[in-house]
Amino acid sequence: MRGFWLKIEEKISQSLVWALDNHPGKLLGTSIGFILGLLFVTLGFWRTLVLVLFAVIGFVLGKRQDEHKDLSAWVEKTFNKY
């Protein structure tokens, strides 16, 4: 029985590698759509929207940090316009 599950696991791994190599955008888009659909069903629209908003903010801040850009200057410029 263990051999059966190893074969299944190997087939799934090969399929995922093939999909990542040949169709990365479709795989990413489908995965994001599936996760957002689950969140809408379990949390509701507004809670999901807030969660996605915080995820996007975290992504932007992390990306700036990875690119070694001055985070404090960006925050100051963005929020002190008035």
N, C-alpha and C. Protein backbone atom coordinates (compact mmCIF):
# COMPACT_ATOMS: atom_id res chain seq x y z
N MET A 1 0.83 -1.20 0.00
CA MET A 1 0.00 0.00 0.00
C MET A 1 0.87 1.26 0.00
N ARG A 2 2.01 1.20 0.70
CA ARG A 2 2.90 2.36 0.76
C ARG A 2 3.45 2.71 -0.62
N GLY A 3 3.76 1.69 -1.43
CA GLY A 3 4.26 1.92 -2.78
C GLY A 3 3.26 2.67 -3.65
N PHE A 4 1.99 2.38 -3.45
CA PHE A 4 0.93 3.05 -4.20
C PHE A 4 0.95 4.55 -3.92
N TRP A 5 1.05 4.94 -2.64
CA TRP A 5 1.04 6.35 -2.28
C TRP A 5 2.31 7.06 -2.74
N LEU A 6 3.45 6.36 -2.76
CA LEU A 6 4.68 6.95 -3.27
C LEU A 6 4.56 7.25 -4.76
N LYS A 7 3.91 6.34 -5.51
CA LYS A 7 3.70 6.58 -6.94
C LYS A 7 2.79 7.78 -7.17
N ILE A 8 1.75 7.89 -6.37
CA ILE A 8 0.82 9.02 -6.47
C ILE A 8 1.56 10.31 -6.15
N GLU A 9 2.35 10.30 -5.09
CA GLU A 9 3.11 11.49 -4.70
C GLU A 9 4.09 11.89 -5.81
N GLU A 10 4.73 10.92 -6.43
CA GLU A 10 5.67 11.20 -7.51
C GLU A 10 4.95 11.80 -8.72
N LYS A 11 3.79 11.28 -9.06
CA LYS A 11 3.01 11.80 -10.19
C LYS A 11 2.57 13.24 -9.93
N ILE A 12 2.12 13.51 -8.71
CA ILE A 12 1.69 14.87 -8.36
C ILE A 12 2.88 15.82 -8.43
N SER A 13 4.02 15.41 -7.91
CA SER A 13 5.22 16.25 -7.95
C SER A 13 5.63 16.55 -9.39
N GLN A 14 5.61 15.53 -10.25
CA GLN A 14 5.97 15.73 -11.65
C GLN A 14 4.98 16.67 -12.34
N SER A 15 3.71 16.55 -12.01
CA SER A 15 2.69 17.41 -12.61
C SER A 15 2.87 18.86 -12.18
N LEU A 16 3.17 19.07 -10.91
CA LEU A 16 3.39 20.43 -10.42
C LEU A 16 4.63 21.06 -11.04
N VAL A 17 5.69 20.30 -11.16
CA VAL A 17 6.91 20.83 -11.79
C VAL A 17 6.63 21.17 -13.24
N TRP A 18 5.91 20.29 -13.96
CA TRP A 18 5.56 20.57 -15.35
C TRP A 18 4.71 21.84 -15.45
N ALA A 19 3.73 21.99 -14.57
CA ALA A 19 2.86 23.16 -14.60
C ALA A 19 3.65 24.44 -14.29
N LEU A 20 4.57 24.36 -13.33
CA LEU A 20 5.38 25.54 -13.01
C LEU A 20 6.30 25.91 -14.17
N ASP A 21 6.82 24.94 -14.87
CA ASP A 21 7.70 25.22 -16.00
C ASP A 21 6.95 25.76 -17.21
N ASN A 22 5.77 25.22 -17.49
CA ASN A 22 5.05 25.55 -18.72
C ASN A 22 3.95 26.59 -18.57
N HIS A 23 3.35 26.68 -17.39
CA HIS A 23 2.21 27.58 -17.20
C HIS A 23 2.26 28.24 -15.81
N PRO A 24 3.32 28.98 -15.49
CA PRO A 24 3.41 29.54 -14.13
C PRO A 24 2.33 30.57 -13.82
N GLY A 25 1.96 31.39 -14.80
CA GLY A 25 0.92 32.40 -14.57
C GLY A 25 -0.44 31.78 -14.30
N LYS A 26 -0.77 30.77 -15.08
CA LYS A 26 -2.06 30.09 -14.89
C LYS A 26 -2.11 29.40 -13.53
N LEU A 27 -1.02 28.77 -13.15
CA LEU A 27 -0.97 28.07 -11.86
C LEU A 27 -1.09 29.06 -10.71
N LEU A 28 -0.37 30.17 -10.81
CA LEU A 28 -0.44 31.19 -9.75
C LEU A 28 -1.83 31.82 -9.69
N GLY A 29 -2.37 32.17 -10.84
CA GLY A 29 -3.70 32.78 -10.87
C GLY A 29 -4.78 31.85 -10.33
N THR A 30 -4.71 30.59 -10.71
CA THR A 30 -5.68 29.62 -10.22
C THR A 30 -5.55 29.43 -8.72
N SER A 31 -4.32 29.36 -8.23
CA SER A 31 -4.09 29.19 -6.79
C SER A 31 -4.61 30.39 -6.01
N ILE A 32 -4.33 31.59 -6.48
CA ILE A 32 -4.81 32.79 -5.79
C ILE A 32 -6.34 32.84 -5.82
N GLY A 33 -6.93 32.53 -6.96
CA GLY A 33 -8.39 32.52 -7.07
C GLY A 33 -9.02 31.51 -6.13
N PHE A 34 -8.43 30.33 -6.04
CA PHE A 34 -8.95 29.29 -5.15
C PHE A 34 -8.87 29.74 -3.69
N ILE A 35 -7.74 30.29 -3.30
CA ILE A 35 -7.56 30.75 -1.90
C ILE A 35 -8.52 31.89 -1.59
N LEU A 36 -8.65 32.86 -2.51
CA LEU A 36 -9.59 33.96 -2.27
C LEU A 36 -11.03 33.44 -2.19
N GLY A 37 -11.38 32.48 -3.02
CA GLY A 37 -12.72 31.89 -2.96
C GLY A 37 -12.99 31.24 -1.61
N LEU A 38 -12.02 30.49 -1.13
CA LEU A 38 -12.17 29.88 0.20
C LEU A 38 -12.31 30.94 1.29
N LEU A 39 -11.51 31.99 1.19
CA LEU A 39 -11.60 33.06 2.19
C LEU A 39 -12.96 33.76 2.15
N PHE A 40 -13.48 34.03 0.94
CA PHE A 40 -14.81 34.64 0.83
C PHE A 40 -15.87 33.77 1.48
N VAL A 41 -15.80 32.47 1.24
CA VAL A 41 -16.81 31.56 1.77
C VAL A 41 -16.70 31.45 3.29
N THR A 42 -15.47 31.39 3.82
CA THR A 42 -15.31 31.18 5.26
C THR A 42 -15.36 32.48 6.06
N LEU A 43 -14.78 33.56 5.54
CA LEU A 43 -14.70 34.81 6.31
C LEU A 43 -15.74 35.85 5.92
N GLY A 44 -16.17 35.83 4.70
CA GLY A 44 -17.06 36.87 4.20
C GLY A 44 -16.27 37.90 3.41
N PHE A 45 -17.01 38.74 2.69
CA PHE A 45 -16.38 39.69 1.77
C PHE A 45 -15.49 40.71 2.46
N TRP A 46 -15.99 41.41 3.47
CA TRP A 46 -15.25 42.52 4.08
C TRP A 46 -14.02 42.04 4.85
N ARG A 47 -14.14 40.94 5.57
CA ARG A 47 -12.98 40.42 6.29
C ARG A 47 -11.90 39.95 5.31
N THR A 48 -12.33 39.34 4.21
CA THR A 48 -11.37 38.92 3.20
C THR A 48 -10.70 40.14 2.57
N LEU A 49 -11.46 41.18 2.31
CA LEU A 49 -10.91 42.40 1.72
C LEU A 49 -9.86 43.03 2.64
N VAL A 50 -10.15 43.08 3.93
CA VAL A 50 -9.18 43.62 4.90
C VAL A 50 -7.93 42.74 4.95
N LEU A 51 -8.10 41.44 4.95
CA LEU A 51 -6.97 40.52 4.97
C LEU A 51 -6.08 40.70 3.73
N VAL A 52 -6.70 40.82 2.56
CA VAL A 52 -5.94 41.02 1.32
C VAL A 52 -5.24 42.37 1.36
N LEU A 53 -5.90 43.40 1.87
CA LEU A 53 -5.28 44.72 1.97
C LEU A 53 -4.02 44.67 2.84
N PHE A 54 -4.10 44.03 3.99
CA PHE A 54 -2.92 43.91 4.85
C PHE A 54 -1.82 43.07 4.20
N ALA A 55 -2.20 42.05 3.46
CA ALA A 55 -1.20 41.23 2.77
C ALA A 55 -0.49 42.05 1.70
N VAL A 56 -1.22 42.88 0.97
CA VAL A 56 -0.61 43.72 -0.05
C VAL A 56 0.31 44.76 0.58
N ILE A 57 -0.12 45.37 1.67
CA ILE A 57 0.74 46.33 2.37
C ILE A 57 2.01 45.65 2.86
N GLY A 58 1.88 44.47 3.42
CA GLY A 58 3.06 43.72 3.87
C GLY A 58 3.98 43.37 2.73
N PHE A 59 3.42 43.00 1.58
CA PHE A 59 4.23 42.70 0.41
C PHE A 59 5.00 43.92 -0.06
N VAL A 60 4.33 45.06 -0.15
CA VAL A 60 4.98 46.29 -0.61
C VAL A 60 6.10 46.69 0.35
N LEU A 61 5.84 46.66 1.64
CA LEU A 61 6.87 47.02 2.61
C LEU A 61 8.04 46.03 2.57
N GLY A 62 7.75 44.75 2.46
CA GLY A 62 8.81 43.75 2.37
C GLY A 62 9.63 43.88 1.11
N LYS A 63 8.96 44.21 0.00
CA LYS A 63 9.67 44.40 -1.27
C LYS A 63 10.62 45.58 -1.18
N ARG A 64 10.18 46.66 -0.57
CA ARG A 64 11.05 47.83 -0.41
C ARG A 64 12.24 47.48 0.47
N GLN A 65 12.01 46.69 1.49
CA GLN A 65 13.09 46.27 2.38
C GLN A 65 14.08 45.40 1.62
N ASP A 66 13.58 44.48 0.80
CA ASP A 66 14.45 43.60 0.01
C ASP A 66 15.30 44.38 -0.98
N GLU A 67 14.74 45.46 -1.50
CA GLU A 67 15.46 46.27 -2.49
C GLU A 67 16.37 47.30 -1.81
N HIS A 68 16.47 47.23 -0.50
CA HIS A 68 17.32 48.12 0.30
C HIS A 68 16.97 49.60 0.09
N LYS A 69 15.69 49.87 -0.07
CA LYS A 69 15.22 51.24 -0.17
C LYS A 69 14.85 51.72 1.23
N ASP A 70 15.00 53.03 1.44
CA ASP A 70 14.75 53.60 2.76
C ASP A 70 13.26 53.58 3.05
N LEU A 71 12.86 52.73 3.97
CA LEU A 71 11.46 52.55 4.30
C LEU A 71 10.89 53.76 5.03
N SER A 72 11.64 54.34 5.95
CA SER A 72 11.13 55.47 6.73
C SER A 72 10.90 56.69 5.85
N ALA A 73 11.75 56.92 4.87
CA ALA A 73 11.56 58.06 3.96
C ALA A 73 10.30 57.87 3.13
N TRP A 74 10.06 56.64 2.68
CA TRP A 74 8.86 56.36 1.89
C TRP A 74 7.60 56.56 2.72
N VAL A 75 7.59 56.05 3.96
CA VAL A 75 6.43 56.20 4.83
C VAL A 75 6.18 57.68 5.11
N GLU A 76 7.24 58.42 5.39
CA GLU A 76 7.11 59.85 5.67
C GLU A 76 6.56 60.59 4.45
N LYS A 77 7.09 60.29 3.27
CA LYS A 77 6.64 60.94 2.04
C LYS A 77 5.19 60.58 1.73
N THR A 78 4.82 59.35 1.96
CA THR A 78 3.49 58.87 1.62
C THR A 78 2.42 59.45 2.55
N PHE A 79 2.71 59.49 3.85
CA PHE A 79 1.68 59.88 4.82
C PHE A 79 1.75 61.33 5.29
N ASN A 80 2.76 62.06 4.92
CA ASN A 80 2.90 63.47 5.34
C ASN A 80 2.75 64.40 4.15
N LYS A 81 1.74 64.18 3.33
CA LYS A 81 1.52 65.01 2.16
C LYS A 81 0.84 66.33 2.52
N TYR A 82 0.21 66.38 3.65
CA TYR A 82 -0.57 67.57 4.00
C TYR A 82 0.08 68.35 5.09
